[in-house]
Structures are given as C-alpha cells and as structure tokens.
Amino acid sequence: MMQCTIESLHKKNPEILAEMEKGPAFEVGGNEIDGFHYIWDLENVTPTRKLLDGTHVVELEDPMALTIMTKCPEKWILQDIETGQVYKGSQDPSPREQWKLITTIEEPKE
C-alpha cells in the first residue's frame, strides 16, 4: 500500500519526493486499514533558508558580523543571495549606512 502512495506522489509531482528527502527526517506511521501518515521529528531540525538558486543554507541562532577593511569602500558590491538585493559600499561611517541598496535581482522564472 505504501508503495502505491509513493508512486502516486511521484506521478502527480516528481519533485515532491526529492524535496521530502532533503528536509527533516520522517517516519511513515499508520496502517492499511486506518491509513498512512508522515511523522516528522521537528525538535532537532536546524533552521535553514532557501536561496534564489534553490539551495538551502543553515540559519544561525545569533547574528554574526562580517567585516571588510578597505581604503576604497565604493569599489565593493554585496549581494544578498536570498533576497536578490545588491548593495554598493559607501564612505558613510554610520554602521547602517555603509551599504547603499542599488538594485534587486528578481528570482529567475522557470
């Protein structure tokens, strides 16, 4: 019976099984009489974020600083590959003003 469910899922959406396998570990519960269901252990799951290219990266519990030491801040470009936002370095010494948003790259259409 479970094989039938897997085959049906695959026919309707081939990517769904691959996505499930990439996600948190799960078990299949239930039986043929009452039906089958999936059980996920979400207590020990490391949070992740999905980037524009579809890959997943680990999300830290606490933020960390990334620092660039340079004599020419305006030559630097910073891209957030989760949101597509692109920033250019500036000479402004204020922490929240050192990077100026210049554009946002949209998610590619499939």
PDB file of N, CA and C in Angstrom:
ATOM      1  N   MET A   1       0.826  -1.202   0.000  1.00  0.00           N
ATOM      2  CA  MET A   1       0.000   0.000   0.000  1.00  0.00           C
ATOM      3  C   MET A   1       0.865   1.259   0.000  1.00  0.00           C
ATOM      4  N   MET A   2       1.918   1.286   0.815  1.00  0.00           N
ATOM      5  CA  MET A   2       2.773   2.472   0.887  1.00  0.00           C
ATOM      6  C   MET A   2       3.453   2.728  -0.451  1.00  0.00           C
ATOM      7  N   GLN A   3       3.847   1.692  -1.138  1.00  0.00           N
ATOM      8  CA  GLN A   3       4.478   1.841  -2.454  1.00  0.00           C
ATOM      9  C   GLN A   3       3.516   2.540  -3.409  1.00  0.00           C
ATOM     10  N   CYS A   4       2.242   2.226  -3.303  1.00  0.00           N
ATOM     11  CA  CYS A   4       1.213   2.861  -4.126  1.00  0.00           C
ATOM     12  C   CYS A   4       1.171   4.368  -3.861  1.00  0.00           C
ATOM     13  N   THR A   5       1.274   4.756  -2.596  1.00  0.00           N
ATOM     14  CA  THR A   5       1.260   6.172  -2.232  1.00  0.00           C
ATOM     15  C   THR A   5       2.464   6.880  -2.817  1.00  0.00           C
ATOM     16  N   ILE A   6       3.642   6.274  -2.697  1.00  0.00           N
ATOM     17  CA  ILE A   6       4.876   6.849  -3.226  1.00  0.00           C
ATOM     18  C   ILE A   6       4.757   7.026  -4.735  1.00  0.00           C
ATOM     19  N   GLU A   7       4.277   6.016  -5.426  1.00  0.00           N
ATOM     20  CA  GLU A   7       4.130   6.088  -6.876  1.00  0.00           C
ATOM     21  C   GLU A   7       3.133   7.170  -7.282  1.00  0.00           C
ATOM     22  N   SER A   8       2.052   7.305  -6.525  1.00  0.00           N
ATOM     23  CA  SER A   8       1.052   8.321  -6.816  1.00  0.00           C
ATOM     24  C   SER A   8       1.626   9.725  -6.628  1.00  0.00           C
ATOM     25  N   LEU A   9       2.358   9.937  -5.533  1.00  0.00           N
ATOM     26  CA  LEU A   9       3.003  11.225  -5.294  1.00  0.00           C
ATOM     27  C   LEU A   9       3.974  11.555  -6.428  1.00  0.00           C
ATOM     28  N   HIS A  10       4.736  10.557  -6.838  1.00  0.00           N
ATOM     29  CA  HIS A  10       5.732  10.768  -7.884  1.00  0.00           C
ATOM     30  C   HIS A  10       5.066  11.147  -9.211  1.00  0.00           C
ATOM     31  N   LYS A  11       3.950  10.513  -9.527  1.00  0.00           N
ATOM     32  CA  LYS A  11       3.250  10.827 -10.777  1.00  0.00           C
ATOM     33  C   LYS A  11       2.675  12.243 -10.755  1.00  0.00           C
ATOM     34  N   LYS A  12       2.120  12.644  -9.621  1.00  0.00           N
ATOM     35  CA  LYS A  12       1.495  13.970  -9.527  1.00  0.00           C
ATOM     36  C   LYS A  12       2.530  15.087  -9.464  1.00  0.00           C
ATOM     37  N   ASN A  13       3.609  14.849  -8.749  1.00  0.00           N
ATOM     38  CA  ASN A  13       4.631  15.888  -8.579  1.00  0.00           C
ATOM     39  C   ASN A  13       5.977  15.202  -8.319  1.00  0.00           C
ATOM     40  N   PRO A  14       6.765  14.934  -9.367  1.00  0.00           N
ATOM     41  CA  PRO A  14       8.021  14.201  -9.207  1.00  0.00           C
ATOM     42  C   PRO A  14       9.002  14.858  -8.239  1.00  0.00           C
ATOM     43  N   GLU A  15       8.931  16.190  -8.110  1.00  0.00           N
ATOM     44  CA  GLU A  15       9.883  16.884  -7.244  1.00  0.00           C
ATOM     45  C   GLU A  15       9.551  16.720  -5.765  1.00  0.00           C
ATOM     46  N   ILE A  16       8.309  16.344  -5.433  1.00  0.00           N
ATOM     47  CA  ILE A  16       7.900  16.314  -4.032  1.00  0.00           C
ATOM     48  C   ILE A  16       8.712  15.295  -3.219  1.00  0.00           C
ATOM     49  N   LEU A  17       9.009  14.157  -3.802  1.00  0.00           N
ATOM     50  CA  LEU A  17       9.780  13.157  -3.067  1.00  0.00           C
ATOM     51  C   LEU A  17      11.201  13.631  -2.827  1.00  0.00           C
ATOM     52  N   ALA A  18      11.799  14.261  -3.827  1.00  0.00           N
ATOM     53  CA  ALA A  18      13.152  14.793  -3.658  1.00  0.00           C
ATOM     54  C   ALA A  18      13.163  15.865  -2.582  1.00  0.00           C
ATOM     55  N   GLU A  19      12.143  16.726  -2.550  1.00  0.00           N
ATOM     56  CA  GLU A  19      12.056  17.775  -1.533  1.00  0.00           C
ATOM     57  C   GLU A  19      11.897  17.163  -0.147  1.00  0.00           C
ATOM     58  N   MET A  20      11.070  16.128  -0.039  1.00  0.00           N
ATOM     59  CA  MET A  20      10.874  15.478   1.262  1.00  0.00           C
ATOM     60  C   MET A  20      12.174  14.847   1.751  1.00  0.00           C
ATOM     61  N   GLU A  21      12.933  14.253   0.835  1.00  0.00           N
ATOM     62  CA  GLU A  21      14.189  13.611   1.219  1.00  0.00           C
ATOM     63  C   GLU A  21      15.229  14.633   1.665  1.00  0.00           C
ATOM     64  N   LYS A  22      15.189  15.862   1.126  1.00  0.00           N
ATOM     65  CA  LYS A  22      16.124  16.909   1.525  1.00  0.00           C
ATOM     66  C   LYS A  22      15.771  17.485   2.888  1.00  0.00           C
ATOM     67  N   GLY A  23      14.512  17.405   3.266  1.00  0.00           N
ATOM     68  CA  GLY A  23      14.032  18.023   4.501  1.00  0.00           C
ATOM     69  C   GLY A  23      14.345  17.182   5.724  1.00  0.00           C
ATOM     70  N   PRO A  24      13.690  17.492   6.830  1.00  0.00           N
ATOM     71  CA  PRO A  24      13.933  16.754   8.066  1.00  0.00           C
ATOM     72  C   PRO A  24      13.537  15.287   7.931  1.00  0.00           C
ATOM     73  N   ALA A  25      14.205  14.458   8.722  1.00  0.00           N
ATOM     74  CA  ALA A  25      13.914  13.022   8.693  1.00  0.00           C
ATOM     75  C   ALA A  25      12.459  12.777   9.110  1.00  0.00           C
ATOM     76  N   PHE A  26      11.840  11.797   8.482  1.00  0.00           N
ATOM     77  CA  PHE A  26      10.458  11.478   8.815  1.00  0.00           C
ATOM     78  C   PHE A  26      10.256   9.974   8.804  1.00  0.00           C
ATOM     79  N   GLU A  27       9.207   9.554   9.501  1.00  0.00           N
ATOM     80  CA  GLU A  27       8.814   8.150   9.514  1.00  0.00           C
ATOM     81  C   GLU A  27       7.396   8.063   8.978  1.00  0.00           C
ATOM     82  N   VAL A  28       7.050   6.905   8.473  1.00  0.00           N
ATOM     83  CA  VAL A  28       5.695   6.683   7.990  1.00  0.00           C
ATOM     84  C   VAL A  28       4.970   5.872   9.046  1.00  0.00           C
ATOM     85  N   GLY A  29       3.833   6.387   9.499  1.00  0.00           N
ATOM     86  CA  GLY A  29       3.041   5.684  10.504  1.00  0.00           C
ATOM     87  C   GLY A  29       1.716   5.243   9.926  1.00  0.00           C
ATOM     88  N   GLY A  30       0.953   4.550  10.734  1.00  0.00           N
ATOM     89  CA  GLY A  30      -0.374   4.111  10.307  1.00  0.00           C
ATOM     90  C   GLY A  30      -0.355   2.723   9.710  1.00  0.00           C
ATOM     91  N   ASN A  31      -1.492   2.356   9.128  1.00  0.00           N
ATOM     92  CA  ASN A  31      -1.614   1.032   8.521  1.00  0.00           C
ATOM     93  C   ASN A  31      -2.613   1.091   7.372  1.00  0.00           C
ATOM     94  N   GLU A  32      -2.794  -0.028   6.687  1.00  0.00           N
ATOM     95  CA  GLU A  32      -3.675  -0.056   5.518  1.00  0.00           C
ATOM     96  C   GLU A  32      -5.128   0.189   5.882  1.00  0.00           C
ATOM     97  N   ILE A  33      -5.527  -0.197   7.066  1.00  0.00           N
ATOM     98  CA  ILE A  33      -6.930  -0.038   7.465  1.00  0.00           C
ATOM     99  C   ILE A  33      -7.228   1.423   7.820  1.00  0.00           C
ATOM    100  N   ASP A  34      -6.399   2.007   8.700  1.00  0.00           N
ATOM    101  CA  ASP A  34      -6.643   3.381   9.165  1.00  0.00           C
ATOM    102  C   ASP A  34      -6.029   4.433   8.256  1.00  0.00           C
ATOM    103  N   GLY A  35      -5.123   4.017   7.401  1.00  0.00           N
ATOM    104  CA  GLY A  35      -4.432   4.965   6.521  1.00  0.00           C
ATOM    105  C   GLY A  35      -3.018   5.246   7.019  1.00  0.00           C
ATOM    106  N   PHE A  36      -2.209   5.768   6.141  1.00  0.00           N
ATOM    107  CA  PHE A  36      -0.821   6.073   6.459  1.00  0.00           C
ATOM    108  C   PHE A  36      -0.655   7.573   6.680  1.00  0.00           C
ATOM    109  N   HIS A  37       0.354   7.936   7.460  1.00  0.00           N
ATOM    110  CA  HIS A  37       0.662   9.348   7.687  1.00  0.00           C
ATOM    111  C   HIS A  37       2.165   9.497   7.920  1.00  0.00           C
ATOM    112  N   TYR A  38       2.647  10.716   7.745  1.00  0.00           N
ATOM    113  CA  TYR A  38       4.060  11.010   7.945  1.00  0.00           C
ATOM    114  C   TYR A  38       4.271  11.636   9.314  1.00  0.00           C
ATOM    115  N   ILE A  39       5.394  11.276   9.946  1.00  0.00           N
ATOM    116  CA  ILE A  39       5.738  11.813  11.265  1.00  0.00           C
ATOM    117  C   ILE A  39       7.126  12.431  11.169  1.00  0.00           C
ATOM    118  N   TRP A  40       7.212  13.751  11.421  1.00  0.00           N
ATOM    119  CA  TRP A  40       8.488  14.457  11.398  1.00  0.00           C
ATOM    120  C   TRP A  40       8.950  14.745  12.805  1.00  0.00           C
ATOM    121  N   ASP A  41      10.249  14.577  13.074  1.00  0.00           N
ATOM    122  CA  ASP A  41      10.858  14.979  14.338  1.00  0.00           C
ATOM    123  C   ASP A  41      11.395  16.382  14.126  1.00  0.00           C
ATOM    124  N   LEU A  42      10.610  17.385  14.507  1.00  0.00           N
ATOM    125  CA  LEU A  42      10.990  18.768  14.246  1.00  0.00           C
ATOM    126  C   LEU A  42      11.751  19.415  15.401  1.00  0.00           C
ATOM    127  N   GLU A  43      11.959  18.682  16.497  1.00  0.00           N
ATOM    128  CA  GLU A  43      12.663  19.259  17.643  1.00  0.00           C
ATOM    129  C   GLU A  43      14.147  19.450  17.374  1.00  0.00           C
ATOM    130  N   ASN A  44      14.739  18.596  16.573  1.00  0.00           N
ATOM    131  CA  ASN A  44      16.178  18.658  16.329  1.00  0.00           C
ATOM    132  C   ASN A  44      16.505  19.142  14.921  1.00  0.00           C
ATOM    133  N   VAL A  45      15.631  19.947  14.355  1.00  0.00           N
ATOM    134  CA  VAL A  45      15.822  20.430  12.997  1.00  0.00           C
ATOM    135  C   VAL A  45      16.621  21.727  13.025  1.00  0.00           C
ATOM    136  N   THR A  46      17.668  21.778  12.219  1.00  0.00           N
ATOM    137  CA  THR A  46      18.453  23.002  12.077  1.00  0.00           C
ATOM    138  C   THR A  46      17.721  23.924  11.115  1.00  0.00           C
ATOM    139  N   PRO A  47      17.436  25.169  11.530  1.00  0.00           N
ATOM    140  CA  PRO A  47      16.735  26.067  10.609  1.00  0.00           C
ATOM    141  C   PRO A  47      17.594  26.407   9.394  1.00  0.00           C
ATOM    142  N   THR A  48      16.953  26.467   8.245  1.00  0.00           N
ATOM    143  CA  THR A  48      17.660  26.800   7.005  1.00  0.00           C
ATOM    144  C   THR A  48      16.900  27.886   6.260  1.00  0.00           C
ATOM    145  N   ARG A  49      17.567  28.475   5.295  1.00  0.00           N
ATOM    146  CA  ARG A  49      16.954  29.453   4.402  1.00  0.00           C
ATOM    147  C   ARG A  49      17.181  29.006   2.969  1.00  0.00           C
ATOM    148  N   LYS A  50      16.188  29.260   2.122  1.00  0.00           N
ATOM    149  CA  LYS A  50      16.287  28.876   0.718  1.00  0.00           C
ATOM    150  C   LYS A  50      16.798  30.069  -0.088  1.00  0.00           C
ATOM    151  N   LEU A  51      17.893  29.858  -0.820  1.00  0.00           N
ATOM    152  CA  LEU A  51      18.481  30.904  -1.648  1.00  0.00           C
ATOM    153  C   LEU A  51      17.792  30.952  -3.010  1.00  0.00           C
ATOM    154  N   LEU A  52      18.070  32.009  -3.765  1.00  0.00           N
ATOM    155  CA  LEU A  52      17.427  32.178  -5.072  1.00  0.00           C
ATOM    156  C   LEU A  52      17.713  31.024  -6.025  1.00  0.00           C
ATOM    157  N   ASP A  53      18.880  30.379  -5.882  1.00  0.00           N
ATOM    158  CA  ASP A  53      19.211  29.268  -6.781  1.00  0.00           C
ATOM    159  C   ASP A  53      18.621  27.939  -6.312  1.00  0.00           C
ATOM    160  N   GLY A  54      17.844  27.988  -5.212  1.00  0.00           N
ATOM    161  CA  GLY A  54      17.185  26.780  -4.715  1.00  0.00           C
ATOM    162  C   GLY A  54      17.942  26.033  -3.641  1.00  0.00           C
ATOM    163  N   THR A  55      19.200  26.374  -3.403  1.00  0.00           N
ATOM    164  CA  THR A  55      19.954  25.691  -2.361  1.00  0.00           C
ATOM    165  C   THR A  55      19.507  26.184  -0.985  1.00  0.00           C
ATOM    166  N   HIS A  56      19.768  25.372   0.023  1.00  0.00           N
ATOM    167  CA  HIS A  56      19.436  25.723   1.398  1.00  0.00           C
ATOM    168  C   HIS A  56      20.723  25.935   2.182  1.00  0.00           C
ATOM    169  N   VAL A  57      20.718  26.936   3.048  1.00  0.00           N
ATOM    170  CA  VAL A  57      21.869  27.217   3.904  1.00  0.00           C
ATOM    171  C   VAL A  57      21.400  27.293   5.354  1.00  0.00           C
ATOM    172  N   VAL A  58      22.305  26.979   6.277  1.00  0.00           N
ATOM    173  CA  VAL A  58      21.985  26.974   7.701  1.00  0.00           C
ATOM    174  C   VAL A  58      21.780  28.402   8.203  1.00  0.00           C
ATOM    175  N   GLU A  59      20.745  28.592   9.010  1.00  0.00           N
ATOM    176  CA  GLU A  59      20.494  29.877   9.673  1.00  0.00           C
ATOM    177  C   GLU A  59      21.022  29.776  11.100  1.00  0.00           C
ATOM    178  N   LEU A  60      21.922  30.681  11.470  1.00  0.00           N
ATOM    179  CA  LEU A  60      22.488  30.689  12.812  1.00  0.00           C
ATOM    180  C   LEU A  60      21.464  31.189  13.822  1.00  0.00           C
ATOM    181  N   GLU A  61      21.633  30.790  15.074  1.00  0.00           N
ATOM    182  CA  GLU A  61      20.734  31.239  16.130  1.00  0.00           C
ATOM    183  C   GLU A  61      20.936  32.726  16.420  1.00  0.00           C
ATOM    184  N   ASP A  62      22.204  33.166  16.437  1.00  0.00           N
ATOM    185  CA  ASP A  62      22.532  34.565  16.700  1.00  0.00           C
ATOM    186  C   ASP A  62      23.213  35.168  15.481  1.00  0.00           C
ATOM    187  N   PRO A  63      22.961  36.456  15.213  1.00  0.00           N
ATOM    188  CA  PRO A  63      23.623  37.090  14.069  1.00  0.00           C
ATOM    189  C   PRO A  63      25.122  37.225  14.285  1.00  0.00           C
ATOM    190  N   MET A  64      25.863  37.276  13.201  1.00  0.00           N
ATOM    191  CA  MET A  64      27.309  37.495  13.271  1.00  0.00           C
ATOM    192  C   MET A  64      27.681  38.642  12.343  1.00  0.00           C
ATOM    193  N   ALA A  65      28.765  39.315  12.653  1.00  0.00           N
ATOM    194  CA  ALA A  65      29.233  40.442  11.844  1.00  0.00           C
ATOM    195  C   ALA A  65      30.212  39.948  10.791  1.00  0.00           C
ATOM    196  N   LEU A  66      30.075  40.474   9.580  1.00  0.00           N
ATOM    197  CA  LEU A  66      31.030  40.245   8.503  1.00  0.00           C
ATOM    198  C   LEU A  66      31.660  41.608   8.219  1.00  0.00           C
ATOM    199  N   THR A  67      32.976  41.692   8.317  1.00  0.00           N
ATOM    200  CA  THR A  67      33.651  42.976   8.213  1.00  0.00           C
ATOM    201  C   THR A  67      34.602  43.013   7.027  1.00  0.00           C
ATOM    202  N   ILE A  68      34.603  44.137   6.315  1.00  0.00           N
ATOM    203  CA  ILE A  68      35.552  44.369   5.230  1.00  0.00           C
ATOM    204  C   ILE A  68      36.393  45.583   5.615  1.00  0.00           C
ATOM    205  N   MET A  69      37.703  45.434   5.631  1.00  0.00           N
ATOM    206  CA  MET A  69      38.615  46.544   5.881  1.00  0.00           C
ATOM    207  C   MET A  69      39.169  46.980   4.535  1.00  0.00           C
ATOM    208  N   THR A  70      38.941  48.237   4.160  1.00  0.00           N
ATOM    209  CA  THR A  70      39.353  48.708   2.838  1.00  0.00           C
ATOM    210  C   THR A  70      39.607  50.210   2.853  1.00  0.00           C
ATOM    211  N   LYS A  71      40.450  50.655   1.940  1.00  0.00           N
ATOM    212  CA  LYS A  71      40.684  52.085   1.754  1.00  0.00           C
ATOM    213  C   LYS A  71      39.772  52.647   0.667  1.00  0.00           C
ATOM    214  N   CYS A  72      39.051  51.766   0.000  1.00  0.00           N
ATOM    215  CA  CYS A  72      38.197  52.193  -1.111  1.00  0.00           C
ATOM    216  C   CYS A  72      36.823  51.489  -1.006  1.00  0.00           C
ATOM    217  N   PRO A  73      35.961  51.943  -0.090  1.00  0.00           N
ATOM    218  CA  PRO A  73      34.686  51.241   0.142  1.00  0.00           C
ATOM    219  C   PRO A  73      33.732  51.251  -1.052  1.00  0.00           C
ATOM    220  N   GLU A  74      33.837  52.246  -1.924  1.00  0.00           N
ATOM    221  CA  GLU A  74      32.899  52.340  -3.039  1.00  0.00           C
ATOM    222  C   GLU A  74      33.180  51.346  -4.172  1.00  0.00           C
ATOM    223  N   LYS A  75      34.260  50.604  -4.072  1.00  0.00           N
ATOM    224  CA  LYS A  75      34.540  49.594  -5.098  1.00  0.00           C
ATOM    225  C   LYS A  75      33.884  48.251  -4.771  1.00  0.00           C
ATOM    226  N   TRP A  76      33.298  48.133  -3.583  1.00  0.00           N
ATOM    227  CA  TRP A  76      32.750  46.861  -3.122  1.00  0.00           C
ATOM    228  C   TRP A  76      31.262  46.732  -3.434  1.00  0.00           C
ATOM    229  N   ILE A  77      30.858  45.515  -3.796  1.00  0.00           N
ATOM    230  CA  ILE A  77      29.456  45.161  -4.020  1.00  0.00           C
ATOM    231  C   ILE A  77      29.132  44.002  -3.089  1.00  0.00           C
ATOM    232  N   LEU A  78      27.945  44.042  -2.494  1.00  0.00           N
ATOM    233  CA  LEU A  78      27.476  42.993  -1.586  1.00  0.00           C
ATOM    234  C   LEU A  78      26.123  42.520  -2.104  1.00  0.00           C
ATOM    235  N   GLN A  79      25.958  41.208  -2.297  1.00  0.00           N
ATOM    236  CA  GLN A  79      24.669  40.695  -2.761  1.00  0.00           C
ATOM    237  C   GLN A  79      24.096  39.722  -1.756  1.00  0.00           C
ATOM    238  N   ASP A  80      22.837  39.938  -1.408  1.00  0.00           N
ATOM    239  CA  ASP A  80      22.086  39.012  -0.568  1.00  0.00           C
ATOM    240  C   ASP A  80      21.481  37.978  -1.520  1.00  0.00           C
ATOM    241  N   ILE A  81      22.006  36.759  -1.499  1.00  0.00           N
ATOM    242  CA  ILE A  81      21.549  35.753  -2.464  1.00  0.00           C
ATOM    243  C   ILE A  81      20.285  35.022  -2.008  1.00  0.00           C
ATOM    244  N   GLU A  82      19.696  35.491  -0.905  1.00  0.00           N
ATOM    245  CA  GLU A  82      18.379  35.010  -0.503  1.00  0.00           C
ATOM    246  C   GLU A  82      17.295  35.939  -1.061  1.00  0.00           C
ATOM    247  N   THR A  83      17.519  37.251  -0.976  1.00  0.00           N
ATOM    248  CA  THR A  83      16.519  38.228  -1.415  1.00  0.00           C
ATOM    249  C   THR A  83      16.817  38.814  -2.785  1.00  0.00           C
ATOM    250  N   GLY A  84      18.064  38.732  -3.237  1.00  0.00           N
ATOM    251  CA  GLY A  84      18.456  39.319  -4.506  1.00  0.00           C
ATOM    252  C   GLY A  84      18.877  40.778  -4.395  1.00  0.00           C
ATOM    253  N   GLN A  85      18.870  41.332  -3.185  1.00  0.00           N
ATOM    254  CA  GLN A  85      19.266  42.731  -3.019  1.00  0.00           C
ATOM    255  C   GLN A  85      20.766  42.882  -3.227  1.00  0.00           C
ATOM    256  N   VAL A  86      21.149  43.956  -3.968  1.00  0.00           N
ATOM    257  CA  VAL A  86      22.550  44.239  -4.252  1.00  0.00           C
ATOM    258  C   VAL A  86      22.880  45.618  -3.669  1.00  0.00           C
ATOM    259  N   TYR A  87      23.955  45.676  -2.897  1.00  0.00           N
ATOM    260  CA  TYR A  87      24.376  46.905  -2.230  1.00  0.00           C
ATOM    261  C   TYR A  87      25.761  47.311  -2.714  1.00  0.00           C
ATOM    262  N   LYS A  88      26.022  48.634  -2.680  1.00  0.00           N
ATOM    263  CA  LYS A  88      27.342  49.170  -3.004  1.00  0.00           C
ATOM    264  C   LYS A  88      27.885  49.843  -1.747  1.00  0.00           C
ATOM    265  N   GLY A  89      29.175  49.649  -1.476  1.00  0.00           N
ATOM    266  CA  GLY A  89      29.803  50.284  -0.327  1.00  0.00           C
ATOM    267  C   GLY A  89      29.814  51.800  -0.473  1.00  0.00           C
ATOM    268  N   SER A  90      29.780  52.511   0.665  1.00  0.00           N
ATOM    269  CA  SER A  90      29.806  53.974   0.642  1.00  0.00           C
ATOM    270  C   SER A  90      30.855  54.471   1.648  1.00  0.00           C
ATOM    271  N   GLN A  91      31.135  55.750   1.612  1.00  0.00           N
ATOM    272  CA  GLN A  91      32.097  56.342   2.541  1.00  0.00           C
ATOM    273  C   GLN A  91      31.435  56.757   3.852  1.00  0.00           C
ATOM    274  N   ASP A  92      30.141  56.558   3.982  1.00  0.00           N
ATOM    275  CA  ASP A  92      29.421  56.915   5.206  1.00  0.00           C
ATOM    276  C   ASP A  92      29.874  55.993   6.342  1.00  0.00           C
ATOM    277  N   PRO A  93      30.384  56.543   7.451  1.00  0.00           N
ATOM    278  CA  PRO A  93      30.887  55.701   8.536  1.00  0.00           C
ATOM    279  C   PRO A  93      29.795  55.102   9.432  1.00  0.00           C
ATOM    280  N   SER A  94      28.549  55.553   9.302  1.00  0.00           N
ATOM    281  CA  SER A  94      27.467  55.029  10.146  1.00  0.00           C
ATOM    282  C   SER A  94      27.213  53.558   9.810  1.00  0.00           C
ATOM    283  N   PRO A  95      27.153  52.695  10.831  1.00  0.00           N
ATOM    284  CA  PRO A  95      27.013  51.253  10.575  1.00  0.00           C
ATOM    285  C   PRO A  95      25.860  50.880   9.640  1.00  0.00           C
ATOM    286  N   ARG A  96      24.711  51.487   9.787  1.00  0.00           N
ATOM    287  CA  ARG A  96      23.558  51.124   8.957  1.00  0.00           C
ATOM    288  C   ARG A  96      23.541  51.855   7.615  1.00  0.00           C
ATOM    289  N   GLU A  97      24.508  52.698   7.377  1.00  0.00           N
ATOM    290  CA  GLU A  97      24.557  53.478   6.133  1.00  0.00           C
ATOM    291  C   GLU A  97      25.781  53.154   5.281  1.00  0.00           C
ATOM    292  N   GLN A  98      26.589  52.186   5.710  1.00  0.00           N
ATOM    293  CA  GLN A  98      27.800  51.847   4.964  1.00  0.00           C
ATOM    294  C   GLN A  98      27.497  51.166   3.639  1.00  0.00           C
ATOM    295  N   TRP A  99      26.349  50.535   3.541  1.00  0.00           N
ATOM    296  CA  TRP A  99      25.947  49.851   2.315  1.00  0.00           C
ATOM    297  C   TRP A  99      24.674  50.484   1.784  1.00  0.00           C
ATOM    298  N   LYS A 100      24.678  50.894   0.520  1.00  0.00           N
ATOM    299  CA  LYS A 100      23.526  51.524  -0.127  1.00  0.00           C
ATOM    300  C   LYS A 100      22.913  50.542  -1.124  1.00  0.00           C
ATOM    301  N   LEU A 101      21.606  50.316  -0.990  1.00  0.00           N
ATOM    302  CA  LEU A 101      20.895  49.437  -1.922  1.00  0.00           C
ATOM    303  C   LEU A 101      20.917  50.059  -3.314  1.00  0.00           C
ATOM    304  N   ILE A 102      21.384  49.282  -4.304  1.00  0.00           N
ATOM    305  CA  ILE A 102      21.427  49.812  -5.669  1.00  0.00           C
ATOM    306  C   ILE A 102      20.446  49.103  -6.610  1.00  0.00           C
ATOM    307  N   THR A 103      20.107  47.854  -6.317  1.00  0.00           N
ATOM    308  CA  THR A 103      19.137  47.132  -7.153  1.00  0.00           C
ATOM    309  C   THR A 103      18.720  45.850  -6.441  1.00  0.00           C
ATOM    310  N   THR A 104      17.687  45.211  -6.975  1.00  0.00           N
ATOM    311  CA  THR A 104      17.255  43.891  -6.511  1.00  0.00           C
ATOM    312  C   THR A 104      17.132  42.988  -7.729  1.00  0.00           C
ATOM    313  N   ILE A 105      17.815  41.876  -7.684  1.00  0.00           N
ATOM    314  CA  ILE A 105      17.757  40.899  -8.776  1.00  0.00           C
ATOM    315  C   ILE A 105      16.599  39.965  -8.472  1.00  0.00           C
ATOM    316  N   GLU A 106      15.658  39.891  -9.406  1.00  0.00           N
ATOM    317  CA  GLU A 106      14.474  39.071  -9.204  1.00  0.00           C
ATOM    318  C   GLU A 106      14.803  37.588  -9.361  1.00  0.00           C
ATOM    319  N   GLU A 107      14.013  36.754  -8.707  1.00  0.00           N
ATOM    320  CA  GLU A 107      14.167  35.304  -8.810  1.00  0.00           C
ATOM    321  C   GLU A 107      13.955  34.892 -10.258  1.00  0.00           C
ATOM    322  N   PRO A 108      14.827  34.026 -10.786  1.00  0.00           N
ATOM    323  CA  PRO A 108      14.675  33.609 -12.188  1.00  0.00           C
ATOM    324  C   PRO A 108      13.356  32.875 -12.416  1.00  0.00           C
ATOM    325  N   LYS A 109      12.720  33.156 -13.531  1.00  0.00           N
ATOM    326  CA  LYS A 109      11.447  32.490 -13.886  1.00  0.00           C
ATOM    327  C   LYS A 109      11.770  31.149 -14.531  1.00  0.00           C
ATOM    328  N   GLU A 110      11.023  30.135 -14.132  1.00  0.00           N
ATOM    329  CA  GLU A 110      11.262  28.792 -14.687  1.00  0.00           C
ATOM    330  C   GLU A 110      10.212  28.441 -15.706  1.00  0.00           C
TER     331      GLU A 110
END
